[in-house]
Amino acid sequence: MIERAELLYTQPYHNQHTTRRGLHSLLGHGASSKQMRFTMTEQSPFLVQVNQAFNVPAPDAFVLEGFGADTTHPNIPVRKDEYVFRKEDLRDVLAFLSNPDGDGLYITGPTGCGKTSLICQVASRLNWPVQQITAHGRLELSDLIGHHTLVNGNMTFVYGPLALAVKHGHLLIINEMDLAEPAELAGLNDILEGAPLVIAQNGGEIIMPHNKFRFIATGNSAGSGDQTGLYQGVLQQNLAFLDRFRIIEATYAEPSVEEAILENVAPGLPEVFRQKMVKVAGDIRRLFIGGADGGAELSITMSTRTLVRWAKLTLAFKGAPNAVEYALVRSLTARAELEQREAIHRIAADVFGDHWED
């Protein structure tokens, strides 16, 4: 069961005295007013019942403050009811959203392990709008802040994802942040520390950070560069910039979780097939990561995203001869070198046994 202290749940809001007492019971009597600032609001907050929203074991009384009751905002991510949350990751994300305490959140992990989807699915249940951008080697600070453009014959300043998130209290997600030039990202240091956003391009406009603005980034590396040679374009980031982040090390889900994911997205697939697909994925990942000497035997891996694609395509091509192999090629191995493709297919054939030809 998820403990109260682990997720920093708030109790129902009857009055300020009850609220403060409830928060002290969760955070400890040494909790500062700064720690409680997020939940001590004048207006009645939008509360989300944790066990129902996230499908995790928690008492009914455990609730969390969301962004608002409006579910129609176009930047609220689409909720996927089949999504399965892992307790440890959920705990870290909710703790950050409740009280960032001047930090950003950096989620690092291998490709396709669900870094961005974790944040988006949490946000979808809290009705929290998200501004997203994917970094690249030519990303400039102005891409985040905004620029002037011609609208109906007039020059108009169009706000970028950073400006919108700071102004309206949205979550800002910079995907693949470690692909960006560190000198450009250094321009975000003041924002991470809570300073106003000054837009020189728009006449020196000053935007005070909304109290629900959160800065989140993802990357395949931990910011120190790619030590594996598998992620082209990853750059070593500035140490002072990274020092402003909490770190979550994401990884692929446990087999039981991935089996539950496949059951949700491909319920028509026999259980034995789902179990064997998860086993194949695990075997491929072990060869991709390598052993104690760090030597990887495969240069591609099967992410959770690819695993889901494999299951769905197996159902879609169920009329084809050997639908499992047919779908595997189109999901993953068509982009593998010939030797690696053959190795992966041998792994799958060994795991599936007599079912491989089904």
Protein backbone atom coordinates (compact mmCIF):
# COMPACT_ATOMS: atom_id res chain seq x y z
CA MET A 1 0.00 0.00 0.00
CA ILE A 2 1.22 3.51 -0.75
CA GLU A 3 1.86 5.39 2.46
CA ARG A 4 0.68 8.92 3.14
CA ALA A 5 4.17 10.24 3.72
CA GLU A 6 5.36 8.68 0.48
CA LEU A 7 2.95 10.56 -1.76
CA LEU A 8 2.29 13.69 0.33
CA TYR A 9 -1.46 13.32 0.04
CA THR A 10 -3.61 16.07 1.48
CA GLN A 11 -6.67 15.51 3.63
CA PRO A 12 -10.14 16.97 2.91
CA TYR A 13 -10.27 20.76 3.23
CA HIS A 14 -12.69 21.76 6.00
CA ASN A 15 -10.85 24.84 7.22
CA GLN A 16 -7.33 26.17 7.50
CA HIS A 17 -6.81 24.71 10.97
CA THR A 18 -7.86 21.24 9.85
CA THR A 19 -5.78 21.55 6.70
CA ARG A 20 -2.65 22.63 8.54
CA ARG A 21 -3.09 19.85 11.08
CA GLY A 22 -3.57 17.32 8.29
CA LEU A 23 -0.48 18.52 6.46
CA HIS A 24 1.60 18.32 9.59
CA SER A 25 0.45 14.72 10.03
CA LEU A 26 1.72 13.98 6.53
CA LEU A 27 4.90 16.04 6.41
CA GLY A 28 5.79 16.06 10.10
CA HIS A 29 5.43 18.82 12.69
CA GLY A 30 8.66 20.38 11.48
CA ALA A 31 7.12 21.19 8.12
CA SER A 32 7.66 24.80 7.12
CA SER A 33 5.07 27.16 5.72
CA LYS A 34 6.99 26.99 2.44
CA GLN A 35 6.41 23.23 2.29
CA MET A 36 2.69 23.77 2.80
CA ARG A 37 2.37 26.73 0.45
CA PHE A 38 1.14 24.66 -2.48
CA THR A 39 -1.90 23.33 -0.63
CA MET A 40 -2.78 26.39 1.46
CA THR A 41 -4.95 28.28 -0.99
CA GLU A 42 -7.76 30.73 -0.44
CA GLN A 43 -10.20 29.08 -2.83
CA SER A 44 -11.53 25.57 -2.51
CA PRO A 45 -9.03 23.41 -4.42
CA PHE A 46 -9.81 20.74 -6.97
CA LEU A 47 -9.23 17.46 -5.17
CA VAL A 48 -8.57 14.10 -6.77
CA GLN A 49 -9.16 10.82 -4.96
CA VAL A 50 -5.88 9.02 -5.43
CA ASN A 51 -7.00 5.40 -5.41
CA GLN A 52 -9.62 5.99 -8.09
CA ALA A 53 -7.60 8.37 -10.28
CA PHE A 54 -4.40 6.32 -10.36
CA ASN A 55 -5.77 2.83 -9.64
CA VAL A 56 -3.37 2.30 -6.75
CA PRO A 57 -4.12 0.95 -3.26
CA ALA A 58 -4.82 3.90 -0.99
CA PRO A 59 -7.58 4.82 1.51
CA ASP A 60 -10.52 6.81 0.17
CA ALA A 61 -9.58 9.76 2.38
CA PHE A 62 -6.29 10.26 0.56
CA VAL A 63 -6.73 13.05 -1.96
CA LEU A 64 -4.39 15.21 -3.99
CA GLU A 65 -4.84 18.75 -5.27
CA GLY A 66 -5.12 18.90 -9.04
CA PHE A 67 -4.98 21.84 -11.41
CA GLY A 68 -8.71 22.50 -11.75
CA ALA A 69 -12.09 20.97 -12.42
CA ASP A 70 -12.11 21.97 -16.09
CA THR A 71 -11.46 18.90 -18.24
CA THR A 72 -11.85 20.66 -21.60
CA HIS A 73 -8.51 22.47 -21.82
CA PRO A 74 -6.88 21.41 -25.11
CA ASN A 75 -3.48 20.92 -23.46
CA ILE A 76 -4.67 18.37 -20.92
CA PRO A 77 -3.24 15.04 -22.13
CA VAL A 78 -5.65 12.35 -23.24
CA ARG A 79 -6.29 9.94 -20.40
CA LYS A 80 -5.51 6.30 -21.08
CA ASP A 81 -7.43 4.21 -18.59
CA GLU A 82 -5.35 1.15 -19.44
CA TYR A 83 -2.15 2.86 -18.23
CA VAL A 84 -0.51 1.07 -15.30
CA PHE A 85 1.33 3.21 -12.73
CA ARG A 86 4.34 1.94 -10.83
CA LYS A 87 4.24 2.97 -7.18
CA GLU A 88 7.82 4.25 -6.99
CA ASP A 89 7.57 6.46 -10.07
CA LEU A 90 4.13 7.76 -9.12
CA ARG A 91 5.33 8.62 -5.63
CA ASP A 92 8.26 10.66 -6.95
CA VAL A 93 6.20 12.54 -9.52
CA LEU A 94 3.37 13.40 -7.14
CA ALA A 95 5.84 14.53 -4.49
CA PHE A 96 7.44 16.86 -7.03
CA LEU A 97 4.15 18.26 -8.29
CA SER A 98 2.95 18.87 -4.73
CA ASN A 99 6.11 20.65 -3.62
CA PRO A 100 8.91 21.25 -6.16
CA ASP A 101 10.74 23.45 -3.66
CA GLY A 102 12.62 25.30 -6.38
CA ASP A 103 13.67 22.19 -8.31
CA GLY A 104 13.03 20.95 -11.80
CA LEU A 105 12.40 17.26 -12.45
CA TYR A 106 14.65 15.29 -14.81
CA ILE A 107 13.60 11.78 -15.81
CA THR A 108 16.36 9.72 -17.37
CA GLY A 109 16.10 6.24 -18.81
CA PRO A 110 16.38 4.05 -21.90
CA THR A 111 14.33 4.66 -25.00
CA GLY A 112 10.64 3.87 -24.84
CA CYS A 113 10.48 3.11 -21.11
CA GLY A 114 7.63 5.58 -20.57
CA LYS A 115 9.32 8.74 -19.32
CA THR A 116 7.00 11.22 -21.03
CA SER A 117 3.89 9.06 -20.81
CA LEU A 118 4.31 8.86 -17.03
CA ILE A 119 4.05 12.63 -16.70
CA CYS A 120 1.26 12.95 -19.26
CA GLN A 121 -0.87 10.28 -17.61
CA VAL A 122 -0.43 11.86 -14.19
CA ALA A 123 -1.35 15.23 -15.67
CA SER A 124 -4.41 13.78 -17.39
CA ARG A 125 -5.80 12.66 -14.04
CA LEU A 126 -5.10 16.00 -12.37
CA ASN A 127 -6.53 18.04 -15.29
CA TRP A 128 -3.12 19.72 -15.51
CA PRO A 129 -2.37 21.25 -18.94
CA VAL A 130 0.99 20.35 -20.47
CA GLN A 131 3.25 22.31 -22.81
CA GLN A 132 5.69 20.03 -24.64
CA ILE A 133 8.66 20.50 -26.92
CA THR A 134 11.32 18.05 -28.10
CA ALA A 135 14.88 19.32 -27.94
CA HIS A 136 17.43 19.07 -30.74
CA GLY A 137 20.88 20.37 -31.52
CA ARG A 138 19.59 23.63 -33.00
CA LEU A 139 17.08 24.42 -30.26
CA GLU A 140 17.29 28.05 -29.16
CA LEU A 141 15.91 29.77 -26.09
CA SER A 142 13.63 31.81 -28.34
CA ASP A 143 11.94 28.57 -29.43
CA LEU A 144 10.83 28.16 -25.83
CA ILE A 145 9.95 31.77 -25.11
CA GLY A 146 8.25 32.86 -28.33
CA HIS A 147 8.68 35.01 -31.41
CA HIS A 148 6.98 37.63 -33.56
CA THR A 149 5.03 36.41 -36.55
CA LEU A 150 2.66 37.90 -39.10
CA VAL A 151 -1.01 37.40 -38.18
CA ASN A 152 -3.73 38.97 -40.36
CA GLY A 153 -1.24 41.50 -41.68
CA ASN A 154 0.03 42.52 -38.24
CA MET A 155 3.16 41.50 -36.37
CA THR A 156 2.05 39.59 -33.29
CA PHE A 157 4.11 38.00 -30.55
CA VAL A 158 3.33 34.29 -30.26
CA TYR A 159 4.21 32.81 -26.89
CA GLY A 160 6.30 29.64 -26.82
CA PRO A 161 5.76 26.65 -24.53
CA LEU A 162 7.91 28.03 -21.73
CA ALA A 163 6.13 31.39 -21.64
CA LEU A 164 2.71 29.73 -21.71
CA ALA A 165 3.62 27.32 -18.93
CA VAL A 166 5.10 30.05 -16.72
CA LYS A 167 2.14 32.36 -17.29
CA HIS A 168 -0.70 29.88 -16.85
CA GLY A 169 0.77 27.33 -14.44
CA HIS A 170 1.10 24.47 -16.89
CA LEU A 171 3.63 21.66 -16.84
CA LEU A 172 6.52 22.27 -19.21
CA ILE A 173 8.05 19.08 -20.61
CA ILE A 174 11.27 19.30 -22.62
CA ASN A 175 11.70 15.88 -24.18
CA GLU A 176 15.20 14.65 -25.05
CA MET A 177 16.70 17.61 -23.21
CA ASP A 178 20.20 16.14 -23.46
CA LEU A 179 20.15 16.73 -27.23
CA ALA A 180 20.13 20.51 -26.72
CA GLU A 181 23.20 22.73 -26.58
CA PRO A 182 24.07 23.29 -22.89
CA ALA A 183 24.77 26.99 -23.52
CA GLU A 184 21.15 27.49 -24.62
CA LEU A 185 19.73 25.61 -21.66
CA ALA A 186 21.79 27.71 -19.26
CA GLY A 187 19.38 30.53 -20.07
CA LEU A 188 16.75 28.63 -18.07
CA ASN A 189 18.67 28.75 -14.79
CA ASP A 190 16.85 31.80 -13.45
CA ILE A 191 13.44 30.35 -14.33
CA LEU A 192 14.25 27.18 -12.42
CA GLU A 193 15.05 29.32 -9.40
CA GLY A 194 11.66 31.03 -9.55
CA ALA A 195 12.70 34.29 -11.19
CA PRO A 196 10.25 36.11 -13.49
CA LEU A 197 10.46 35.42 -17.20
CA VAL A 198 11.58 38.57 -18.98
CA ILE A 199 10.72 38.61 -22.69
CA ALA A 200 13.01 41.17 -24.27
CA GLN A 201 11.57 40.37 -27.71
CA ASN A 202 8.15 41.57 -26.55
CA GLY A 203 9.10 44.98 -25.20
CA GLY A 204 10.58 43.64 -21.98
CA GLU A 205 7.38 41.93 -20.87
CA ILE A 206 7.69 40.40 -17.43
CA ILE A 207 5.78 37.23 -16.55
CA MET A 208 5.66 36.25 -12.91
CA PRO A 209 5.73 32.45 -12.52
CA HIS A 210 2.35 30.93 -11.75
CA ASN A 211 2.45 28.94 -8.51
CA LYS A 212 1.56 25.77 -10.39
CA PHE A 213 4.24 26.07 -13.05
CA ARG A 214 6.46 22.99 -13.08
CA PHE A 215 9.59 22.34 -15.18
CA ILE A 216 10.12 18.74 -16.29
CA ALA A 217 12.67 17.27 -18.70
CA THR A 218 13.44 13.82 -20.03
CA GLY A 219 16.53 12.28 -21.59
CA ASN A 220 18.23 9.00 -22.42
CA SER A 221 21.37 10.04 -20.56
CA ALA A 222 21.81 11.37 -17.05
CA GLY A 223 23.26 14.58 -18.47
CA SER A 224 26.89 13.46 -18.55
CA GLY A 225 26.84 12.43 -22.19
CA ASP A 226 26.11 9.10 -23.84
CA GLN A 227 28.47 6.46 -22.49
CA THR A 228 27.01 3.71 -24.68
CA GLY A 229 27.28 5.21 -28.15
CA LEU A 230 23.68 4.22 -28.84
CA TYR A 231 22.06 7.64 -28.65
CA GLN A 232 23.48 9.84 -31.38
CA GLY A 233 23.46 13.58 -30.68
CA VAL A 234 23.37 13.38 -26.89
CA LEU A 235 25.51 16.12 -25.34
CA GLN A 236 27.11 16.53 -21.96
CA GLN A 237 25.10 19.14 -20.08
CA ASN A 238 26.22 21.98 -17.85
CA LEU A 239 26.78 20.83 -14.27
CA ALA A 240 25.30 24.00 -12.76
CA PHE A 241 22.13 23.51 -14.82
CA LEU A 242 21.77 19.85 -13.82
CA ASP A 243 22.26 20.80 -10.18
CA ARG A 244 18.82 22.42 -10.28
CA PHE A 245 16.97 19.13 -10.91
CA ARG A 246 15.65 16.23 -8.96
CA ILE A 247 16.43 12.99 -10.80
CA ILE A 248 14.21 9.99 -11.48
CA GLU A 249 15.88 6.96 -13.04
CA ALA A 250 13.16 5.35 -15.11
CA THR A 251 13.46 1.82 -16.39
CA TYR A 252 11.31 -0.72 -18.12
CA ALA A 253 8.36 -2.01 -16.15
CA GLU A 254 8.42 -5.30 -14.29
CA PRO A 255 7.12 -8.30 -16.25
CA SER A 256 3.86 -8.39 -14.29
CA VAL A 257 3.23 -4.73 -15.12
CA GLU A 258 3.99 -5.21 -18.80
CA GLU A 259 1.72 -8.24 -18.90
CA ALA A 260 -1.04 -6.07 -17.44
CA ILE A 261 -0.32 -3.41 -20.07
CA LEU A 262 -0.62 -5.97 -22.87
CA GLU A 263 -3.83 -7.32 -21.38
CA ASN A 264 -5.28 -3.82 -21.51
CA VAL A 265 -4.14 -2.92 -25.03
CA ALA A 266 -4.51 -6.36 -26.64
CA PRO A 267 -7.14 -8.27 -24.66
CA GLY A 268 -7.81 -10.59 -27.59
CA LEU A 269 -4.28 -11.98 -27.41
CA PRO A 270 -4.02 -15.28 -25.48
CA GLU A 271 -2.44 -14.91 -22.05
CA VAL A 272 0.35 -17.32 -22.90
CA PHE A 273 1.30 -15.15 -25.88
CA ARG A 274 1.39 -12.01 -23.74
CA GLN A 275 3.63 -13.71 -21.19
CA LYS A 276 6.02 -14.96 -23.84
CA MET A 277 6.20 -11.56 -25.53
CA VAL A 278 7.20 -9.98 -22.23
CA LYS A 279 9.82 -12.70 -21.74
CA VAL A 280 11.26 -12.03 -25.22
CA ALA A 281 11.39 -8.29 -24.47
CA GLY A 282 13.31 -8.95 -21.25
CA ASP A 283 15.83 -11.19 -22.99
CA ILE A 284 16.43 -8.60 -25.72
CA ARG A 285 16.94 -5.85 -23.15
CA ARG A 286 19.53 -7.85 -21.24
CA LEU A 287 21.56 -8.31 -24.42
CA PHE A 288 21.11 -4.62 -25.25
CA ILE A 289 22.29 -3.42 -21.85
CA GLY A 290 25.18 -5.89 -21.65
CA GLY A 291 26.77 -7.68 -18.75
CA ALA A 292 29.10 -6.57 -15.99
CA ASP A 293 31.78 -5.67 -18.52
CA GLY A 294 29.34 -3.26 -20.17
CA GLY A 295 29.58 -4.97 -23.55
CA ALA A 296 26.19 -4.92 -25.24
CA GLU A 297 25.48 -7.69 -27.75
CA LEU A 298 22.57 -5.89 -29.43
CA SER A 299 22.40 -2.31 -30.67
CA ILE A 300 18.59 -2.17 -30.64
CA THR A 301 16.18 -2.98 -27.85
CA MET A 302 12.51 -3.68 -27.35
CA SER A 303 10.95 -0.81 -25.47
CA THR A 304 7.57 -1.01 -23.80
CA ARG A 305 6.30 1.07 -26.70
CA THR A 306 7.61 -1.51 -29.20
CA LEU A 307 6.27 -4.37 -27.10
CA VAL A 308 2.78 -2.85 -27.24
CA ARG A 309 3.13 -2.39 -31.01
CA TRP A 310 4.16 -6.04 -31.39
CA ALA A 311 1.11 -7.25 -29.47
CA LYS A 312 -1.30 -5.05 -31.39
CA LEU A 313 0.13 -6.00 -34.78
CA THR A 314 0.02 -9.69 -33.89
CA LEU A 315 -3.72 -9.32 -33.44
CA ALA A 316 -4.03 -7.22 -36.59
CA PHE A 317 -2.20 -9.85 -38.67
CA LYS A 318 -3.67 -12.91 -36.98
CA GLY A 319 -4.70 -14.29 -40.35
CA ALA A 320 -1.14 -14.27 -41.68
CA PRO A 321 1.17 -17.30 -41.48
CA ASN A 322 3.18 -17.02 -38.26
CA ALA A 323 1.54 -13.74 -37.23
CA VAL A 324 3.87 -13.38 -34.23
CA GLU A 325 7.02 -13.31 -36.37
CA TYR A 326 5.33 -11.22 -39.06
CA ALA A 327 4.40 -8.59 -36.46
CA LEU A 328 7.84 -8.74 -34.83
CA VAL A 329 9.52 -7.80 -38.11
CA ARG A 330 7.24 -4.81 -38.59
CA SER A 331 7.50 -3.75 -34.96
CA LEU A 332 11.25 -4.01 -34.45
CA THR A 333 13.56 -6.22 -36.45
CA ALA A 334 13.09 -4.66 -39.89
CA ARG A 335 15.46 -1.92 -38.70
CA ALA A 336 18.02 -4.32 -37.24
CA GLU A 337 21.17 -5.52 -38.95
CA LEU A 338 20.78 -8.97 -40.47
CA GLU A 339 22.80 -10.78 -37.79
CA GLN A 340 20.94 -9.05 -34.99
CA ARG A 341 17.58 -9.69 -36.64
CA GLU A 342 18.38 -13.40 -36.82
CA ALA A 343 19.53 -13.40 -33.20
CA ILE A 344 16.32 -11.74 -32.00
CA HIS A 345 14.18 -14.16 -34.00
CA ARG A 346 16.07 -17.10 -32.49
CA ILE A 347 15.36 -15.71 -29.03
CA ALA A 348 11.67 -15.36 -29.84
CA ALA A 349 11.45 -18.82 -31.41
CA ASP A 350 13.07 -20.40 -28.33
CA VAL A 351 10.71 -18.59 -25.96
CA PHE A 352 7.54 -19.27 -27.95
CA GLY A 353 8.40 -22.89 -28.71
CA ASP A 354 5.51 -24.61 -30.46
CA HIS A 355 3.53 -21.35 -30.48
CA TRP A 356 6.09 -19.68 -32.79
CA GLU A 357 4.50 -21.16 -35.89
CA ASP A 358 0.92 -20.33 -34.81
